[in-house]
Amino acid sequence: MSSRLAPRRSVSLAAAVAILLLPLVRPVAAQRSLAPLSPRGQTVTPVFEGWYRNADGTYSLSFGYFNRNSEERVEIALGDSNFVSPGPRDQGQPTYFAPRRQWGVFAVVVPADFGQKKVTWTLRVRGETFAIPGHLHPDWEIDAIQGEASADNTPPGLRFTTAGADARGPGGARGGPVEAKAGVPVALTVYVTDDAKTGSTGSDGRRNATPVDLTWMKHQGPGAVTFSTATHRLAPTGGTGTTMATFTAPGTYVVRVRAGDSAASTAGHAQCCWSNGFLTVRVAP
């Protein structure tokens, strides 16, 4: 992250925390993030995390979420209870919500002339409604996608074909469809490249570059998904990651793979060190 934008980041991070506490519908909703952890039965809040510039002049609005449950994985189907507006209701948001705070889960691309317009993600869960707008306010710009000032590090690049350009950041790469059958494992493969610019220096003076960590997870779909290898580690320069995925029910799914190249990949507020890949899988009976 550039020193030029450091004050901007601190403002954005404070604003992101404030969003979690904002009473979007009823005051009671604002208090739950401060309550003791509950394993299940709690709500899920959408979070706007900022925007970044794309090479073609468009912008990407990055969203994550806060699942207040410490154990329960919440499902909210696309439709009246889970939609983005204006435009198509499905703009890449998840229907599967893992426990606790999840950063940079998807991004909505808006045109170069978007100006002061807004894109809103709405979730309705357990009788409560939460809606958060995404925008291009200057204080919310994420510059770390283009490289951290400390190491000139950029997030890993992902693609789902052997040829073609890499994609980086929360909006990431898209691929598929892959054809599968319910109950029958199918191979899912992602190709990863990285600049190997993160790491540490050992006592012998040699630099140890950080490997790229991959995590596979369900993003959208009607049934459960299991992975033969849900997480694995690649070389600091990337490589090929393959897992066998099994889907319990027929339908259309989106599987997300997240690639991170530093410890900050798990501290999503840094918005610097990971990329998403979204792979569509069509599952027959």
Protein backbone atom coordinates (compact mmCIF):
# COMPACT_ATOMS: atom_id res chain seq x y z
CA MET A 1 0.00 0.00 0.00
CA SER A 2 1.45 3.36 -0.92
CA SER A 3 2.33 5.83 1.80
CA ARG A 4 0.44 8.41 -0.24
CA LEU A 5 -2.79 6.60 0.50
CA ALA A 6 -2.13 5.45 4.06
CA PRO A 7 -4.47 8.06 5.60
CA ARG A 8 -7.15 6.99 3.15
CA ARG A 9 -6.82 3.38 4.28
CA SER A 10 -7.19 4.27 7.96
CA VAL A 11 -10.36 6.18 7.18
CA SER A 12 -11.70 3.30 5.11
CA LEU A 13 -10.98 0.74 7.81
CA ALA A 14 -12.68 2.82 10.46
CA ALA A 15 -15.65 3.24 8.17
CA ALA A 16 -15.79 -0.50 7.52
CA VAL A 17 -15.97 -1.15 11.27
CA ALA A 18 -18.68 1.46 11.58
CA ILE A 19 -20.75 -0.34 8.96
CA LEU A 20 -20.93 -3.41 11.16
CA LEU A 21 -22.51 -1.29 13.88
CA LEU A 22 -24.85 0.73 11.67
CA PRO A 23 -28.56 0.17 12.50
CA LEU A 24 -29.82 -0.40 8.99
CA VAL A 25 -33.30 -1.54 9.97
CA ARG A 26 -33.80 -1.72 13.74
CA PRO A 27 -31.57 -0.55 16.63
CA VAL A 28 -31.38 -4.08 18.05
CA ALA A 29 -29.40 -5.17 14.96
CA ALA A 30 -26.61 -2.74 15.83
CA GLN A 31 -25.90 -4.37 19.18
CA ARG A 32 -25.35 -7.94 18.11
CA SER A 33 -21.76 -7.56 16.93
CA LEU A 34 -20.86 -6.56 20.53
CA ALA A 35 -22.66 -9.50 22.15
CA PRO A 36 -20.92 -12.73 23.23
CA LEU A 37 -20.36 -15.20 20.42
CA SER A 38 -23.27 -17.51 19.73
CA PRO A 39 -22.77 -20.77 17.82
CA ARG A 40 -25.98 -20.40 15.83
CA GLY A 41 -29.25 -18.56 15.38
CA GLN A 42 -27.74 -15.14 14.58
CA THR A 43 -27.98 -12.93 11.49
CA VAL A 44 -25.65 -12.10 8.58
CA THR A 45 -24.74 -8.53 7.61
CA PRO A 46 -23.42 -7.45 4.17
CA VAL A 47 -20.34 -5.20 4.22
CA PHE A 48 -19.00 -2.77 1.62
CA GLU A 49 -15.20 -2.71 1.80
CA GLY A 50 -14.11 -0.25 -0.86
CA TRP A 51 -13.42 0.04 -4.58
CA TYR A 52 -10.46 -0.37 -6.91
CA ARG A 53 -9.61 0.62 -10.46
CA ASN A 54 -9.57 -1.82 -13.37
CA ALA A 55 -7.22 -1.59 -16.34
CA ASP A 56 -10.09 -0.99 -18.78
CA GLY A 57 -11.27 2.14 -16.94
CA THR A 58 -14.09 0.45 -15.03
CA TYR A 59 -14.22 0.09 -11.24
CA SER A 60 -14.85 -2.87 -8.93
CA LEU A 61 -16.85 -2.49 -5.71
CA SER A 62 -15.66 -5.05 -3.15
CA PHE A 63 -18.09 -6.66 -0.69
CA GLY A 64 -17.75 -9.08 2.20
CA TYR A 65 -20.01 -10.10 5.07
CA PHE A 66 -20.24 -10.69 8.81
CA ASN A 67 -21.92 -13.95 9.88
CA ARG A 68 -22.47 -13.43 13.60
CA ASN A 69 -22.52 -17.17 14.29
CA SER A 70 -19.34 -18.86 15.50
CA GLU A 71 -20.35 -22.25 14.03
CA GLU A 72 -23.48 -22.07 11.88
CA ARG A 73 -23.08 -21.83 8.11
CA VAL A 74 -26.05 -19.84 6.83
CA GLU A 75 -27.71 -20.36 3.45
CA ILE A 76 -29.64 -17.45 1.87
CA ALA A 77 -30.91 -18.20 -1.64
CA LEU A 78 -30.81 -15.64 -4.44
CA GLY A 79 -34.08 -13.75 -4.78
CA ASP A 80 -36.11 -11.55 -2.46
CA SER A 81 -33.83 -12.35 0.50
CA ASN A 82 -30.48 -11.94 -1.26
CA PHE A 83 -30.13 -9.48 -4.14
CA VAL A 84 -28.07 -6.65 -5.58
CA SER A 85 -29.68 -3.58 -7.11
CA PRO A 86 -29.99 -1.89 -9.52
CA GLY A 87 -29.54 -4.44 -12.28
CA PRO A 88 -29.74 -8.24 -12.15
CA ARG A 89 -30.45 -9.59 -8.68
CA ASP A 90 -27.56 -12.03 -9.01
CA GLN A 91 -24.35 -10.03 -9.43
CA GLY A 92 -22.01 -12.65 -8.01
CA GLN A 93 -22.90 -12.43 -4.32
CA PRO A 94 -22.72 -15.60 -2.20
CA THR A 95 -25.64 -17.73 -1.06
CA TYR A 96 -23.42 -19.63 1.40
CA PHE A 97 -22.11 -17.73 4.43
CA ALA A 98 -19.27 -19.17 6.50
CA PRO A 99 -19.04 -18.21 10.19
CA ARG A 100 -17.64 -14.86 11.32
CA ARG A 101 -16.14 -12.04 9.26
CA GLN A 102 -15.30 -12.80 5.63
CA TRP A 103 -13.46 -10.18 3.54
CA GLY A 104 -13.44 -9.48 -0.20
CA VAL A 105 -15.91 -12.23 -1.10
CA PHE A 106 -17.01 -10.77 -4.45
CA ALA A 107 -16.97 -7.55 -6.44
CA VAL A 108 -19.45 -5.72 -8.64
CA VAL A 109 -17.96 -4.04 -11.73
CA VAL A 110 -19.35 -0.58 -12.54
CA PRO A 111 -18.65 1.59 -15.63
CA ALA A 112 -16.11 4.39 -15.89
CA ASP A 113 -18.90 7.01 -15.77
CA PHE A 114 -20.52 5.55 -12.62
CA GLY A 115 -19.96 8.83 -10.77
CA GLN A 116 -21.92 9.20 -7.53
CA LYS A 117 -24.33 6.33 -8.14
CA LYS A 118 -24.62 3.42 -5.73
CA VAL A 119 -25.00 -0.35 -5.87
CA THR A 120 -26.80 -1.92 -2.90
CA TRP A 121 -26.56 -5.49 -1.57
CA THR A 122 -29.57 -6.55 0.51
CA LEU A 123 -29.88 -9.58 2.81
CA ARG A 124 -33.03 -10.66 4.63
CA VAL A 125 -32.45 -13.26 7.30
CA ARG A 126 -34.39 -14.34 10.37
CA GLY A 127 -36.94 -11.57 10.07
CA GLU A 128 -34.44 -8.75 9.68
CA THR A 129 -33.29 -6.81 6.62
CA PHE A 130 -29.79 -5.45 6.09
CA ALA A 131 -28.75 -3.36 3.08
CA ILE A 132 -25.38 -1.79 2.36
CA PRO A 133 -24.55 0.55 -0.57
CA GLY A 134 -21.32 0.44 -2.55
CA HIS A 135 -19.96 3.67 -4.01
CA LEU A 136 -16.89 5.42 -5.41
CA HIS A 137 -16.20 7.86 -2.59
CA PRO A 138 -12.45 8.73 -2.74
CA ASP A 139 -11.90 7.74 0.91
CA TRP A 140 -12.82 4.15 0.05
CA GLU A 141 -10.31 3.51 -2.72
CA ILE A 142 -8.32 0.26 -2.37
CA ASP A 143 -4.91 0.85 -3.91
CA ALA A 144 -3.23 -2.35 -2.65
CA ILE A 145 -4.51 -4.39 -5.61
CA GLN A 146 -1.85 -2.62 -7.71
CA GLY A 147 0.91 -3.41 -5.20
CA GLU A 148 2.03 -2.90 -1.61
CA ALA A 149 4.56 -0.15 -1.14
CA SER A 150 6.50 -2.22 1.40
CA ALA A 151 7.30 -5.03 -1.04
CA ASP A 152 5.70 -3.97 -4.33
CA ASN A 153 3.68 -7.14 -3.88
CA THR A 154 0.60 -7.80 -6.00
CA PRO A 155 -2.06 -10.45 -5.31
CA PRO A 156 -1.72 -13.83 -7.06
CA GLY A 157 -3.11 -14.07 -10.59
CA LEU A 158 -5.73 -16.75 -11.30
CA ARG A 159 -7.19 -18.34 -14.41
CA PHE A 160 -9.12 -21.54 -15.17
CA THR A 161 -7.53 -22.26 -18.56
CA THR A 162 -3.90 -22.89 -19.46
CA ALA A 163 -3.91 -19.85 -21.74
CA GLY A 164 -5.26 -16.35 -21.25
CA ALA A 165 -4.73 -13.44 -18.90
CA ASP A 166 -4.57 -13.71 -15.13
CA ALA A 167 -7.17 -11.97 -12.99
CA ARG A 168 -6.49 -10.48 -9.55
CA GLY A 169 -8.34 -9.08 -6.56
CA PRO A 170 -11.76 -9.81 -5.00
CA GLY A 171 -13.51 -9.76 -8.40
CA GLY A 172 -10.97 -12.26 -9.65
CA ALA A 173 -11.26 -14.83 -12.40
CA ARG A 174 -14.34 -16.62 -13.71
CA GLY A 175 -14.53 -19.95 -15.46
CA GLY A 176 -16.71 -22.88 -16.47
CA PRO A 177 -19.17 -24.32 -16.74
CA VAL A 178 -17.79 -27.65 -15.58
CA GLU A 179 -20.19 -30.57 -16.03
CA ALA A 180 -20.69 -32.94 -13.08
CA LYS A 181 -23.12 -35.47 -11.61
CA ALA A 182 -24.56 -35.42 -8.11
CA GLY A 183 -22.59 -37.66 -5.76
CA VAL A 184 -19.75 -38.21 -8.25
CA PRO A 185 -16.43 -36.40 -7.60
CA VAL A 186 -15.29 -34.02 -10.35
CA ALA A 187 -11.87 -32.44 -10.77
CA LEU A 188 -11.66 -28.65 -10.42
CA THR A 189 -8.39 -26.97 -11.44
CA VAL A 190 -7.05 -23.45 -11.13
CA TYR A 191 -3.78 -22.03 -12.50
CA VAL A 192 -1.95 -19.55 -10.28
CA THR A 193 0.97 -17.17 -10.86
CA ASP A 194 2.61 -14.92 -8.28
CA ASP A 195 5.53 -12.53 -8.03
CA ALA A 196 7.02 -14.19 -4.89
CA LYS A 197 7.71 -10.76 -3.35
CA THR A 198 6.50 -11.56 0.16
CA GLY A 199 8.52 -13.49 2.70
CA SER A 200 11.11 -13.19 5.45
CA THR A 201 14.89 -13.18 5.78
CA GLY A 202 16.44 -16.00 7.79
CA SER A 203 19.38 -15.85 10.17
CA ASP A 204 21.63 -16.93 7.31
CA GLY A 205 20.62 -13.85 5.31
CA ARG A 206 18.65 -15.82 2.76
CA ARG A 207 15.20 -14.66 1.81
CA ASN A 208 12.36 -17.14 2.24
CA ALA A 209 9.48 -16.35 -0.10
CA THR A 210 5.95 -17.02 1.15
CA PRO A 211 4.05 -19.88 -0.54
CA VAL A 212 0.65 -19.30 -2.14
CA ASP A 213 -2.19 -20.79 -0.09
CA LEU A 214 -5.37 -21.96 -1.83
CA THR A 215 -8.76 -22.47 -0.20
CA TRP A 216 -11.78 -23.97 -2.00
CA MET A 217 -15.33 -23.26 -0.79
CA LYS A 218 -18.92 -23.24 -1.92
CA HIS A 219 -20.12 -19.83 -3.08
CA GLN A 220 -23.57 -20.48 -4.58
CA GLY A 221 -25.72 -23.57 -5.10
CA PRO A 222 -28.66 -25.65 -3.87
CA GLY A 223 -26.78 -28.42 -2.05
CA ALA A 224 -23.67 -29.13 -0.03
CA VAL A 225 -20.18 -29.38 -1.56
CA THR A 226 -17.24 -31.34 -0.18
CA PHE A 227 -13.64 -31.11 -1.38
CA SER A 228 -10.97 -33.81 -1.33
CA THR A 229 -8.46 -31.06 -0.58
CA ALA A 230 -10.11 -27.90 0.71
CA THR A 231 -6.77 -26.14 1.30
CA HIS A 232 -3.36 -26.65 -0.23
CA ARG A 233 -0.09 -24.82 -0.67
CA LEU A 234 1.73 -23.91 -3.87
CA ALA A 235 5.22 -22.60 -4.53
CA PRO A 236 5.85 -18.85 -4.03
CA THR A 237 5.63 -18.40 -7.80
CA GLY A 238 2.30 -20.27 -7.98
CA GLY A 239 1.45 -23.46 -9.83
CA THR A 240 -1.59 -25.66 -10.45
CA GLY A 241 -4.17 -26.44 -7.77
CA THR A 242 -6.62 -29.30 -8.23
CA THR A 243 -9.31 -30.65 -5.92
CA MET A 244 -12.04 -33.26 -6.31
CA ALA A 245 -15.44 -31.71 -5.55
CA THR A 246 -18.59 -33.71 -4.74
CA PHE A 247 -22.04 -32.10 -4.96
CA THR A 248 -24.96 -33.57 -3.02
CA ALA A 249 -27.79 -32.26 -5.22
CA PRO A 250 -28.32 -31.34 -8.88
CA GLY A 251 -28.37 -27.71 -9.97
CA THR A 252 -26.03 -24.86 -10.84
CA TYR A 253 -23.24 -24.05 -8.41
CA VAL A 254 -20.43 -21.51 -8.15
CA VAL A 255 -17.29 -22.65 -6.35
CA ARG A 256 -14.90 -20.00 -5.07
CA VAL A 257 -11.16 -20.54 -4.73
CA ARG A 258 -9.15 -17.99 -2.80
CA ALA A 259 -5.40 -17.60 -3.34
CA GLY A 260 -3.32 -15.65 -0.83
CA ASP A 261 0.40 -14.90 -0.79
CA SER A 262 1.06 -13.51 2.70
CA ALA A 263 -0.10 -13.63 6.30
CA ALA A 264 -2.22 -10.56 5.54
CA SER A 265 -4.41 -12.80 3.37
CA THR A 266 -6.24 -13.76 6.55
CA ALA A 267 -6.39 -10.14 7.73
CA GLY A 268 -8.76 -9.05 5.01
CA HIS A 269 -8.84 -5.40 6.05
CA ALA A 270 -5.43 -5.08 4.37
CA GLN A 271 -7.13 -5.77 1.01
CA CYS A 272 -3.70 -6.50 -0.44
CA CYS A 273 -2.76 -10.08 -0.79
CA TRP A 274 -5.40 -12.38 -2.21
CA SER A 275 -7.46 -13.05 -5.32
CA ASN A 276 -10.69 -14.96 -5.93
CA GLY A 277 -11.60 -17.40 -8.65
CA PHE A 278 -15.25 -18.30 -9.36
CA LEU A 279 -15.94 -21.54 -11.21
CA THR A 280 -19.46 -22.44 -12.39
CA VAL A 281 -20.38 -26.12 -12.10
CA ARG A 282 -23.55 -27.62 -13.61
CA VAL A 283 -24.56 -30.72 -11.68
CA ALA A 284 -26.89 -33.28 -13.25
CA PRO A 285 -28.95 -35.82 -11.24
